[in-house]
């Protein structure tokens, strides 16, 4: 059957064997490229997810450390300021001298 009759009747282009093979090869190459790119995207997403989890763990550690520091400060009596402790010594030395 004449390709022009088929094209007119169906509205679809009739390809030669060479055109079909070329399109088939291009399609296989495009699919391969897409698979490679998808693999790269998955690797990057995996890295981002891993980093995100590490960041979340660091935030939790920081919060726990803040709580521990607050508990330690609340439990320990405040140390006497060194300036007040030195003042009576200076007065005693002045009176003795």
C-alpha atoms as a PDB file:
ATOM      1  CA  UNK A   1       0.000   0.000   0.000  1.00  0.00           C
ATOM      2  CA  UNK A   2       1.214   3.488  -0.798  1.00  0.00           C
ATOM      3  CA  UNK A   3       2.485   5.404   2.294  1.00  0.00           C
ATOM      4  CA  UNK A   4       0.756   8.608   1.170  1.00  0.00           C
ATOM      5  CA  UNK A   5      -2.633   6.818   1.185  1.00  0.00           C
ATOM      6  CA  UNK A   6      -1.978   5.460   4.697  1.00  0.00           C
ATOM      7  CA  UNK A   7      -0.922   8.929   5.921  1.00  0.00           C
ATOM      8  CA  UNK A   8      -4.016  10.535   4.372  1.00  0.00           C
ATOM      9  CA  UNK A   9      -6.351   7.906   5.801  1.00  0.00           C
ATOM     10  CA  UNK A  10      -4.902   7.603   9.347  1.00  0.00           C
ATOM     11  CA  UNK A  11      -3.319  11.023   9.797  1.00  0.00           C
ATOM     12  CA  UNK A  12      -0.134   9.281  10.943  1.00  0.00           C
ATOM     13  CA  UNK A  13       3.219   9.489   9.216  1.00  0.00           C
ATOM     14  CA  UNK A  14       4.634   6.285   7.820  1.00  0.00           C
ATOM     15  CA  UNK A  15       8.281   5.879   8.709  1.00  0.00           C
ATOM     16  CA  UNK A  16      10.934   4.178   6.700  1.00  0.00           C
ATOM     17  CA  UNK A  17      12.860   1.374   8.370  1.00  0.00           C
ATOM     18  CA  UNK A  18      15.882   3.675   8.746  1.00  0.00           C
ATOM     19  CA  UNK A  19      13.842   6.467  10.354  1.00  0.00           C
ATOM     20  CA  UNK A  20      12.251   3.991  12.734  1.00  0.00           C
ATOM     21  CA  UNK A  21      15.624   2.529  13.763  1.00  0.00           C
ATOM     22  CA  UNK A  22      17.050   6.021  14.294  1.00  0.00           C
ATOM     23  CA  UNK A  23      14.100   7.009  16.491  1.00  0.00           C
ATOM     24  CA  UNK A  24      14.386   3.734  18.401  1.00  0.00           C
ATOM     25  CA  UNK A  25      18.095   4.348  19.042  1.00  0.00           C
ATOM     26  CA  UNK A  26      17.417   7.935  20.148  1.00  0.00           C
ATOM     27  CA  UNK A  27      14.705   6.722  22.517  1.00  0.00           C
ATOM     28  CA  UNK A  28      16.998   4.118  24.094  1.00  0.00           C
ATOM     29  CA  UNK A  29      19.744   6.739  24.536  1.00  0.00           C
ATOM     30  CA  UNK A  30      17.291   9.195  26.096  1.00  0.00           C
ATOM     31  CA  UNK A  31      16.018   6.529  28.519  1.00  0.00           C
ATOM     32  CA  UNK A  32      19.598   5.653  29.487  1.00  0.00           C
ATOM     33  CA  UNK A  33      20.381   9.340  30.114  1.00  0.00           C
ATOM     34  CA  UNK A  34      17.243   9.707  32.226  1.00  0.00           C
ATOM     35  CA  UNK A  35      18.186   6.658  34.317  1.00  0.00           C
ATOM     36  CA  UNK A  36      21.685   8.061  34.908  1.00  0.00           C
ATOM     37  CA  UNK A  37      20.289  11.447  35.903  1.00  0.00           C
ATOM     38  CA  UNK A  38      17.723   9.795  38.178  1.00  0.00           C
ATOM     39  CA  UNK A  39      20.528   7.889  39.903  1.00  0.00           C
ATOM     40  CA  UNK A  40      22.442  11.144  40.450  1.00  0.00           C
ATOM     41  CA  UNK A  41      19.323  12.829  41.841  1.00  0.00           C
ATOM     42  CA  UNK A  42      18.741   9.921  44.231  1.00  0.00           C
ATOM     43  CA  UNK A  43      22.362  10.119  45.426  1.00  0.00           C
ATOM     44  CA  UNK A  44      22.069  13.872  46.042  1.00  0.00           C
ATOM     45  CA  UNK A  45      18.742  13.417  47.818  1.00  0.00           C
ATOM     46  CA  UNK A  46      20.310  10.717  49.975  1.00  0.00           C
ATOM     47  CA  UNK A  47      23.138  13.105  50.906  1.00  0.00           C
ATOM     48  CA  UNK A  48      20.659  15.865  51.740  1.00  0.00           C
ATOM     49  CA  UNK A  49      18.571  13.511  53.866  1.00  0.00           C
ATOM     50  CA  UNK A  50      21.662  12.267  55.703  1.00  0.00           C
ATOM     51  CA  UNK A  51      22.843  15.820  56.391  1.00  0.00           C
ATOM     52  CA  UNK A  52      19.366  16.816  57.520  1.00  0.00           C
ATOM     53  CA  UNK A  53      19.267  13.930  59.989  1.00  0.00           C
ATOM     54  CA  UNK A  54      22.722  14.864  61.329  1.00  0.00           C
ATOM     55  CA  UNK A  55      21.566  18.459  61.786  1.00  0.00           C
ATOM     56  CA  UNK A  56      18.438  17.309  63.620  1.00  0.00           C
ATOM     57  CA  UNK A  57      20.554  15.134  65.918  1.00  0.00           C
ATOM     58  CA  UNK A  58      22.893  18.064  66.614  1.00  0.00           C
ATOM     59  CA  UNK A  59      19.923  20.270  67.502  1.00  0.00           C
ATOM     60  CA  UNK A  60      18.642  17.627  69.918  1.00  0.00           C
ATOM     61  CA  UNK A  61      22.106  17.302  71.485  1.00  0.00           C
ATOM     62  CA  UNK A  62      22.327  21.071  71.925  1.00  0.00           C
ATOM     63  CA  UNK A  63      18.919  21.193  73.606  1.00  0.00           C
ATOM     64  CA  UNK A  64      19.892  18.344  75.943  1.00  0.00           C
ATOM     65  CA  UNK A  65      23.169  20.089  76.823  1.00  0.00           C
ATOM     66  CA  UNK A  66      21.314  23.342  77.544  1.00  0.00           C
ATOM     67  CA  UNK A  67      18.983  21.467  79.897  1.00  0.00           C
ATOM     68  CA  UNK A  68      21.912  19.775  81.644  1.00  0.00           C
ATOM     69  CA  UNK A  69      23.743  23.090  82.059  1.00  0.00           C
ATOM     70  CA  UNK A  70      20.622  24.700  83.499  1.00  0.00           C
ATOM     71  CA  UNK A  71      20.170  21.793  85.930  1.00  0.00           C
ATOM     72  CA  UNK A  72      23.823  21.945  86.965  1.00  0.00           C
ATOM     73  CA  UNK A  73      23.654  25.699  87.553  1.00  0.00           C
ATOM     74  CA  UNK A  74      20.469  25.316  89.573  1.00  0.00           C
ATOM     75  CA  UNK A  75      21.955  22.527  91.723  1.00  0.00           C
ATOM     76  CA  UNK A  76      25.367  24.145  92.398  1.00  0.00           C
ATOM     77  CA  UNK A  77      25.541  27.074  94.843  1.00  0.00           C
ATOM     78  CA  UNK A  78      26.763  30.271  93.227  1.00  0.00           C
ATOM     79  CA  UNK A  79      30.491  30.829  93.836  1.00  0.00           C
ATOM     80  CA  UNK A  80      31.496  33.843  95.907  1.00  0.00           C
ATOM     81  CA  UNK A  81      32.819  36.685  93.777  1.00  0.00           C
ATOM     82  CA  UNK A  82      36.612  36.978  94.197  1.00  0.00           C
ATOM     83  CA  UNK A  83      36.520  40.799  94.511  1.00  0.00           C
ATOM     84  CA  UNK A  84      34.490  40.633  97.739  1.00  0.00           C
ATOM     85  CA  UNK A  85      36.804  38.014  99.244  1.00  0.00           C
ATOM     86  CA  UNK A  86      39.899  40.168  98.599  1.00  0.00           C
ATOM     87  CA  UNK A  87      38.446  43.349 100.115  1.00  0.00           C
ATOM     88  CA  UNK A  88      38.597  42.196 103.786  1.00  0.00           C
ATOM     89  CA  UNK A  89      42.174  40.956 103.268  1.00  0.00           C
ATOM     90  CA  UNK A  90      43.231  44.376 102.003  1.00  0.00           C
ATOM     91  CA  UNK A  91      41.560  46.072 104.984  1.00  0.00           C
ATOM     92  CA  UNK A  92      43.245  43.668 107.417  1.00  0.00           C
ATOM     93  CA  UNK A  93      46.642  44.328 105.859  1.00  0.00           C
ATOM     94  CA  UNK A  94      46.109  48.113 106.002  1.00  0.00           C
ATOM     95  CA  UNK A  95      45.108  47.909 109.662  1.00  0.00           C
ATOM     96  CA  UNK A  96      48.078  45.700 110.507  1.00  0.00           C
ATOM     97  CA  UNK A  97      50.601  47.798 108.618  1.00  0.00           C
END
